[in-house]
Amino acid sequence: MKKVKKVDDLRPEYKRSDFGTLVRGKHVAQLQANSNVVVLDPEVTTLFPNSAAVNAALRSLAEIARRADSRRRRSQ
């Protein structure tokens, strides 16, 4: 049976002092500002097998909304 290596262990040639101080969450604000991740509810995820299906559905919905808006503007 193989020995399982601990993830925390550094190789012998490295020293912890070589890395300086670590800052937890250093880039969190930048990630939140530049990210557009959307989490779907579980019942919605069963309807869409992948991100391409979600994108296609949203594009169709956007086109329908665009057409409805243009019809509304013409009738006024």
PDB file of N, CA and C in Angstrom:
ATOM      1  N   MET A   1       0.832  -1.174   0.000  1.00  0.00           N
ATOM      2  CA  MET A   1       0.000   0.000   0.000  1.00  0.00           C
ATOM      3  C   MET A   1       0.885   1.248   0.000  1.00  0.00           C
ATOM      4  N   LYS A   2       0.510   2.227  -0.836  1.00  0.00           N
ATOM      5  CA  LYS A   2       1.288   3.458  -0.913  1.00  0.00           C
ATOM      6  C   LYS A   2       0.988   4.359   0.278  1.00  0.00           C
ATOM      7  N   LYS A   3       2.009   5.088   0.673  1.00  0.00           N
ATOM      8  CA  LYS A   3       1.804   6.079   1.724  1.00  0.00           C
ATOM      9  C   LYS A   3       1.148   7.310   1.124  1.00  0.00           C
ATOM     10  N   VAL A   4       0.199   7.866   1.816  1.00  0.00           N
ATOM     11  CA  VAL A   4      -0.463   9.074   1.363  1.00  0.00           C
ATOM     12  C   VAL A   4       0.321  10.258   1.912  1.00  0.00           C
ATOM     13  N   LYS A   5       0.730  11.147   0.991  1.00  0.00           N
ATOM     14  CA  LYS A   5       1.486  12.316   1.397  1.00  0.00           C
ATOM     15  C   LYS A   5       0.549  13.392   1.907  1.00  0.00           C
ATOM     16  N   LYS A   6       0.933  14.061   2.963  1.00  0.00           N
ATOM     17  CA  LYS A   6       0.134  15.163   3.468  1.00  0.00           C
ATOM     18  C   LYS A   6       0.265  16.345   2.525  1.00  0.00           C
ATOM     19  N   VAL A   7      -0.814  17.049   2.313  1.00  0.00           N
ATOM     20  CA  VAL A   7      -0.815  18.201   1.420  1.00  0.00           C
ATOM     21  C   VAL A   7      -0.026  19.352   2.037  1.00  0.00           C
ATOM     22  N   ASP A   8       0.005  19.447   3.362  1.00  0.00           N
ATOM     23  CA  ASP A   8       0.657  20.553   4.048  1.00  0.00           C
ATOM     24  C   ASP A   8       2.178  20.475   3.992  1.00  0.00           C
ATOM     25  N   ASP A   9       2.725  19.300   3.751  1.00  0.00           N
ATOM     26  CA  ASP A   9       4.178  19.132   3.802  1.00  0.00           C
ATOM     27  C   ASP A   9       4.861  19.759   2.601  1.00  0.00           C
ATOM     28  N   LEU A  10       5.947  20.473   2.863  1.00  0.00           N
ATOM     29  CA  LEU A  10       6.770  21.034   1.802  1.00  0.00           C
ATOM     30  C   LEU A  10       7.899  20.070   1.499  1.00  0.00           C
ATOM     31  N   ARG A  11       8.413  20.167   0.308  1.00  0.00           N
ATOM     32  CA  ARG A  11       9.587  19.370  -0.024  1.00  0.00           C
ATOM     33  C   ARG A  11      10.752  19.839   0.826  1.00  0.00           C
ATOM     34  N   PRO A  12      11.710  18.961   1.060  1.00  0.00           N
ATOM     35  CA  PRO A  12      12.831  19.316   1.940  1.00  0.00           C
ATOM     36  C   PRO A  12      13.653  20.515   1.435  1.00  0.00           C
ATOM     37  N   GLU A  13      13.685  20.739   0.122  1.00  0.00           N
ATOM     38  CA  GLU A  13      14.495  21.844  -0.398  1.00  0.00           C
ATOM     39  C   GLU A  13      13.838  23.214  -0.203  1.00  0.00           C
ATOM     40  N   TYR A  14      12.567  23.229   0.202  1.00  0.00           N
ATOM     41  CA  TYR A  14      11.879  24.493   0.440  1.00  0.00           C
ATOM     42  C   TYR A  14      11.784  24.773   1.931  1.00  0.00           C
ATOM     43  N   LYS A  15      11.796  26.042   2.259  1.00  0.00           N
ATOM     44  CA  LYS A  15      11.575  26.452   3.641  1.00  0.00           C
ATOM     45  C   LYS A  15      10.367  27.370   3.658  1.00  0.00           C
ATOM     46  N   ARG A  16       9.603  27.314   4.693  1.00  0.00           N
ATOM     47  CA  ARG A  16       8.422  28.157   4.816  1.00  0.00           C
ATOM     48  C   ARG A  16       8.807  29.632   4.768  1.00  0.00           C
ATOM     49  N   SER A  17       9.954  29.963   5.293  1.00  0.00           N
ATOM     50  CA  SER A  17      10.385  31.364   5.330  1.00  0.00           C
ATOM     51  C   SER A  17      10.704  31.901   3.933  1.00  0.00           C
ATOM     52  N   ASP A  18      10.874  31.037   2.939  1.00  0.00           N
ATOM     53  CA  ASP A  18      11.151  31.482   1.572  1.00  0.00           C
ATOM     54  C   ASP A  18       9.931  32.144   0.916  1.00  0.00           C
ATOM     55  N   PHE A  19       8.746  31.909   1.441  1.00  0.00           N
ATOM     56  CA  PHE A  19       7.527  32.357   0.787  1.00  0.00           C
ATOM     57  C   PHE A  19       6.962  33.663   1.321  1.00  0.00           C
ATOM     58  N   GLY A  20       7.462  34.184   2.392  1.00  0.00           N
ATOM     59  CA  GLY A  20       6.940  35.435   2.950  1.00  0.00           C
ATOM     60  C   GLY A  20       5.591  35.208   3.614  1.00  0.00           C
ATOM     61  N   THR A  21       4.928  36.309   3.922  1.00  0.00           N
ATOM     62  CA  THR A  21       3.639  36.193   4.605  1.00  0.00           C
ATOM     63  C   THR A  21       2.541  35.885   3.600  1.00  0.00           C
ATOM     64  N   LEU A  22       1.691  35.000   3.981  1.00  0.00           N
ATOM     65  CA  LEU A  22       0.554  34.651   3.131  1.00  0.00           C
ATOM     66  C   LEU A  22      -0.653  35.474   3.558  1.00  0.00           C
ATOM     67  N   VAL A  23      -1.428  35.919   2.581  1.00  0.00           N
ATOM     68  CA  VAL A  23      -2.616  36.709   2.868  1.00  0.00           C
ATOM     69  C   VAL A  23      -3.817  35.952   2.336  1.00  0.00           C
ATOM     70  N   ARG A  24      -4.709  35.612   3.232  1.00  0.00           N
ATOM     71  CA  ARG A  24      -5.903  34.876   2.826  1.00  0.00           C
ATOM     72  C   ARG A  24      -6.903  35.829   2.174  1.00  0.00           C
ATOM     73  N   GLY A  25      -7.429  35.459   1.023  1.00  0.00           N
ATOM     74  CA  GLY A  25      -8.433  36.260   0.335  1.00  0.00           C
ATOM     75  C   GLY A  25      -7.872  37.522  -0.294  1.00  0.00           C
ATOM     76  N   LYS A  26      -6.633  37.485  -0.693  1.00  0.00           N
ATOM     77  CA  LYS A  26      -5.959  38.663  -1.240  1.00  0.00           C
ATOM     78  C   LYS A  26      -6.645  39.199  -2.493  1.00  0.00           C
ATOM     79  N   HIS A  27      -7.166  38.335  -3.330  1.00  0.00           N
ATOM     80  CA  HIS A  27      -7.743  38.740  -4.615  1.00  0.00           C
ATOM     81  C   HIS A  27      -9.270  38.612  -4.656  1.00  0.00           C
ATOM     82  N   VAL A  28      -9.904  38.452  -3.519  1.00  0.00           N
ATOM     83  CA  VAL A  28     -11.348  38.234  -3.482  1.00  0.00           C
ATOM     84  C   VAL A  28     -12.118  39.422  -4.044  1.00  0.00           C
ATOM     85  N   ALA A  29     -11.757  40.630  -3.668  1.00  0.00           N
ATOM     86  CA  ALA A  29     -12.487  41.813  -4.137  1.00  0.00           C
ATOM     87  C   ALA A  29     -12.398  41.947  -5.654  1.00  0.00           C
ATOM     88  N   GLN A  30     -11.228  41.710  -6.208  1.00  0.00           N
ATOM     89  CA  GLN A  30     -11.045  41.797  -7.661  1.00  0.00           C
ATOM     90  C   GLN A  30     -11.860  40.708  -8.363  1.00  0.00           C
ATOM     91  N   LEU A  31     -11.863  39.518  -7.815  1.00  0.00           N
ATOM     92  CA  LEU A  31     -12.623  38.421  -8.401  1.00  0.00           C
ATOM     93  C   LEU A  31     -14.119  38.721  -8.384  1.00  0.00           C
ATOM     94  N   GLN A  32     -14.623  39.237  -7.271  1.00  0.00           N
ATOM     95  CA  GLN A  32     -16.045  39.549  -7.176  1.00  0.00           C
ATOM     96  C   GLN A  32     -16.438  40.670  -8.127  1.00  0.00           C
ATOM     97  N   ALA A  33     -15.550  41.644  -8.324  1.00  0.00           N
ATOM     98  CA  ALA A  33     -15.854  42.765  -9.209  1.00  0.00           C
ATOM     99  C   ALA A  33     -15.851  42.345 -10.674  1.00  0.00           C
ATOM    100  N   ASN A  34     -15.003  41.397 -11.038  1.00  0.00           N
ATOM    101  CA  ASN A  34     -14.836  41.015 -12.439  1.00  0.00           C
ATOM    102  C   ASN A  34     -15.503  39.696 -12.805  1.00  0.00           C
ATOM    103  N   SER A  35     -16.227  39.101 -11.890  1.00  0.00           N
ATOM    104  CA  SER A  35     -16.812  37.793 -12.134  1.00  0.00           C
ATOM    105  C   SER A  35     -18.308  37.921 -12.398  1.00  0.00           C
ATOM    106  N   ASN A  36     -18.829  37.047 -13.217  1.00  0.00           N
ATOM    107  CA  ASN A  36     -20.266  37.034 -13.470  1.00  0.00           C
ATOM    108  C   ASN A  36     -20.824  35.623 -13.322  1.00  0.00           C
ATOM    109  N   VAL A  37     -20.396  34.949 -12.291  1.00  0.00           N
ATOM    110  CA  VAL A  37     -20.843  33.583 -12.029  1.00  0.00           C
ATOM    111  C   VAL A  37     -22.271  33.627 -11.504  1.00  0.00           C
ATOM    112  N   VAL A  38     -23.110  32.771 -12.050  1.00  0.00           N
ATOM    113  CA  VAL A  38     -24.500  32.679 -11.628  1.00  0.00           C
ATOM    114  C   VAL A  38     -24.746  31.260 -11.140  1.00  0.00           C
ATOM    115  N   VAL A  39     -25.343  31.130  -9.978  1.00  0.00           N
ATOM    116  CA  VAL A  39     -25.651  29.814  -9.426  1.00  0.00           C
ATOM    117  C   VAL A  39     -27.129  29.539  -9.649  1.00  0.00           C
ATOM    118  N   LEU A  40     -27.414  28.449 -10.331  1.00  0.00           N
ATOM    119  CA  LEU A  40     -28.792  28.082 -10.646  1.00  0.00           C
ATOM    120  C   LEU A  40     -29.376  27.207  -9.541  1.00  0.00           C
ATOM    121  N   ASP A  41     -30.682  27.309  -9.351  1.00  0.00           N
ATOM    122  CA  ASP A  41     -31.365  26.438  -8.400  1.00  0.00           C
ATOM    123  C   ASP A  41     -31.341  25.012  -8.935  1.00  0.00           C
ATOM    124  N   PRO A  42     -31.364  24.031  -8.035  1.00  0.00           N
ATOM    125  CA  PRO A  42     -31.285  22.626  -8.473  1.00  0.00           C
ATOM    126  C   PRO A  42     -32.364  22.218  -9.463  1.00  0.00           C
ATOM    127  N   GLU A  43     -33.601  22.712  -9.287  1.00  0.00           N
ATOM    128  CA  GLU A  43     -34.662  22.314 -10.225  1.00  0.00           C
ATOM    129  C   GLU A  43     -34.443  22.909 -11.609  1.00  0.00           C
ATOM    130  N   VAL A  44     -33.748  24.021 -11.699  1.00  0.00           N
ATOM    131  CA  VAL A  44     -33.445  24.625 -12.998  1.00  0.00           C
ATOM    132  C   VAL A  44     -32.306  23.863 -13.676  1.00  0.00           C
ATOM    133  N   THR A  45     -31.359  23.397 -12.895  1.00  0.00           N
ATOM    134  CA  THR A  45     -30.215  22.690 -13.483  1.00  0.00           C
ATOM    135  C   THR A  45     -30.628  21.376 -14.147  1.00  0.00           C
ATOM    136  N   THR A  46     -31.737  20.804 -13.723  1.00  0.00           N
ATOM    137  CA  THR A  46     -32.196  19.565 -14.376  1.00  0.00           C
ATOM    138  C   THR A  46     -32.709  19.837 -15.789  1.00  0.00           C
ATOM    139  N   LEU A  47     -33.105  21.088 -16.069  1.00  0.00           N
ATOM    140  CA  LEU A  47     -33.629  21.432 -17.396  1.00  0.00           C
ATOM    141  C   LEU A  47     -32.526  21.682 -18.417  1.00  0.00           C
ATOM    142  N   PHE A  48     -31.350  22.086 -17.941  1.00  0.00           N
ATOM    143  CA  PHE A  48     -30.255  22.450 -18.840  1.00  0.00           C
ATOM    144  C   PHE A  48     -29.045  21.554 -18.581  1.00  0.00           C
ATOM    145  N   PRO A  49     -28.642  20.774 -19.572  1.00  0.00           N
ATOM    146  CA  PRO A  49     -27.538  19.831 -19.365  1.00  0.00           C
ATOM    147  C   PRO A  49     -26.157  20.495 -19.293  1.00  0.00           C
ATOM    148  N   ASN A  50     -26.015  21.696 -19.901  1.00  0.00           N
ATOM    149  CA  ASN A  50     -24.701  22.345 -19.908  1.00  0.00           C
ATOM    150  C   ASN A  50     -24.859  23.852 -20.095  1.00  0.00           C
ATOM    151  N   SER A  51     -23.746  24.555 -20.077  1.00  0.00           N
ATOM    152  CA  SER A  51     -23.792  26.015 -20.180  1.00  0.00           C
ATOM    153  C   SER A  51     -24.253  26.476 -21.563  1.00  0.00           C
ATOM    154  N   ALA A  52     -23.981  25.702 -22.593  1.00  0.00           N
ATOM    155  CA  ALA A  52     -24.429  26.076 -23.941  1.00  0.00           C
ATOM    156  C   ALA A  52     -25.953  26.115 -24.010  1.00  0.00           C
ATOM    157  N   ALA A  53     -26.624  25.186 -23.352  1.00  0.00           N
ATOM    158  CA  ALA A  53     -28.087  25.162 -23.334  1.00  0.00           C
ATOM    159  C   ALA A  53     -28.639  26.362 -22.578  1.00  0.00           C
ATOM    160  N   VAL A  54     -28.000  26.725 -21.490  1.00  0.00           N
ATOM    161  CA  VAL A  54     -28.423  27.893 -20.719  1.00  0.00           C
ATOM    162  C   VAL A  54     -28.250  29.157 -21.561  1.00  0.00           C
ATOM    163  N   ASN A  55     -27.116  29.293 -22.221  1.00  0.00           N
ATOM    164  CA  ASN A  55     -26.858  30.466 -23.057  1.00  0.00           C
ATOM    165  C   ASN A  55     -27.856  30.563 -24.205  1.00  0.00           C
ATOM    166  N   ALA A  56     -28.169  29.445 -24.839  1.00  0.00           N
ATOM    167  CA  ALA A  56     -29.134  29.448 -25.943  1.00  0.00           C
ATOM    168  C   ALA A  56     -30.515  29.878 -25.449  1.00  0.00           C
ATOM    169  N   ALA A  57     -30.930  29.384 -24.298  1.00  0.00           N
ATOM    170  CA  ALA A  57     -32.236  29.754 -23.745  1.00  0.00           C
ATOM    171  C   ALA A  57     -32.278  31.235 -23.391  1.00  0.00           C
ATOM    172  N   LEU A  58     -31.210  31.748 -22.804  1.00  0.00           N
ATOM    173  CA  LEU A  58     -31.178  33.169 -22.447  1.00  0.00           C
ATOM    174  C   LEU A  58     -31.162  34.065 -23.685  1.00  0.00           C
ATOM    175  N   ARG A  59     -30.456  33.644 -24.724  1.00  0.00           N
ATOM    176  CA  ARG A  59     -30.456  34.418 -25.971  1.00  0.00           C
ATOM    177  C   ARG A  59     -31.856  34.455 -26.586  1.00  0.00           C
ATOM    178  N   SER A  60     -32.550  33.325 -26.566  1.00  0.00           N
ATOM    179  CA  SER A  60     -33.919  33.272 -27.090  1.00  0.00           C
ATOM    180  C   SER A  60     -34.836  34.180 -26.281  1.00  0.00           C
ATOM    181  N   LEU A  61     -34.708  34.140 -24.979  1.00  0.00           N
ATOM    182  CA  LEU A  61     -35.524  34.986 -24.115  1.00  0.00           C
ATOM    183  C   LEU A  61     -35.229  36.465 -24.357  1.00  0.00           C
ATOM    184  N   ALA A  62     -33.972  36.804 -24.545  1.00  0.00           N
ATOM    185  CA  ALA A  62     -33.590  38.192 -24.821  1.00  0.00           C
ATOM    186  C   ALA A  62     -34.179  38.659 -26.153  1.00  0.00           C
ATOM    187  N   GLU A  63     -34.180  37.791 -27.145  1.00  0.00           N
ATOM    188  CA  GLU A  63     -34.756  38.141 -28.452  1.00  0.00           C
ATOM    189  C   GLU A  63     -36.259  38.353 -28.346  1.00  0.00           C
ATOM    190  N   ILE A  64     -36.942  37.503 -27.597  1.00  0.00           N
ATOM    191  CA  ILE A  64     -38.383  37.658 -27.387  1.00  0.00           C
ATOM    192  C   ILE A  64     -38.668  38.983 -26.676  1.00  0.00           C
ATOM    193  N   ALA A  65     -37.897  39.306 -25.661  1.00  0.00           N
ATOM    194  CA  ALA A  65     -38.085  40.561 -24.932  1.00  0.00           C
ATOM    195  C   ALA A  65     -37.823  41.758 -25.839  1.00  0.00           C
ATOM    196  N   ARG A  66     -36.810  41.662 -26.685  1.00  0.00           N
ATOM    197  CA  ARG A  66     -36.480  42.744 -27.614  1.00  0.00           C
ATOM    198  C   ARG A  66     -37.628  42.973 -28.599  1.00  0.00           C
ATOM    199  N   ARG A  67     -38.198  41.887 -29.125  1.00  0.00           N
ATOM    200  CA  ARG A  67     -39.308  42.004 -30.073  1.00  0.00           C
ATOM    201  C   ARG A  67     -40.549  42.593 -29.400  1.00  0.00           C
ATOM    202  N   ALA A  68     -40.842  42.141 -28.185  1.00  0.00           N
ATOM    203  CA  ALA A  68     -42.006  42.647 -27.456  1.00  0.00           C
ATOM    204  C   ALA A  68     -41.847  44.132 -27.167  1.00  0.00           C
ATOM    205  N   ASP A  69     -40.647  44.556 -26.851  1.00  0.00           N
ATOM    206  CA  ASP A  69     -40.389  45.968 -26.564  1.00  0.00           C
ATOM    207  C   ASP A  69     -40.556  46.816 -27.812  1.00  0.00           C
ATOM    208  N   SER A  70     -40.075  46.323 -28.943  1.00  0.00           N
ATOM    209  CA  SER A  70     -40.202  47.101 -30.175  1.00  0.00           C
ATOM    210  C   SER A  70     -41.655  47.187 -30.625  1.00  0.00           C
ATOM    211  N   ARG A  71     -42.452  46.154 -30.415  1.00  0.00           N
ATOM    212  CA  ARG A  71     -43.882  46.187 -30.756  1.00  0.00           C
ATOM    213  C   ARG A  71     -44.621  47.179 -29.862  1.00  0.00           C
ATOM    214  N   ARG A  72     -44.254  47.209 -28.595  1.00  0.00           N
ATOM    215  CA  ARG A  72     -44.880  48.099 -27.652  1.00  0.00           C
ATOM    216  C   ARG A  72     -44.599  49.557 -28.024  1.00  0.00           C
ATOM    217  N   ARG A  73     -43.403  49.841 -28.449  1.00  0.00           N
ATOM    218  CA  ARG A  73     -43.028  51.204 -28.839  1.00  0.00           C
ATOM    219  C   ARG A  73     -43.759  51.641 -30.110  1.00  0.00           C
ATOM    220  N   ARG A  74     -43.935  50.730 -31.054  1.00  0.00           N
ATOM    221  CA  ARG A  74     -44.627  51.053 -32.304  1.00  0.00           C
ATOM    222  C   ARG A  74     -46.094  51.366 -32.074  1.00  0.00           C
ATOM    223  N   SER A  75     -46.739  50.642 -31.148  1.00  0.00           N
ATOM    224  CA  SER A  75     -48.180  50.808 -30.926  1.00  0.00           C
ATOM    225  C   SER A  75     -48.477  52.104 -30.182  1.00  0.00           C
ATOM    226  N   GLN A  76     -47.534  52.690 -29.504  1.00  0.00           N
ATOM    227  CA  GLN A  76     -47.788  53.918 -28.750  1.00  0.00           C
ATOM    228  C   GLN A  76     -47.701  55.060 -29.628  1.00  0.00           C
TER     229      GLN A  76
END
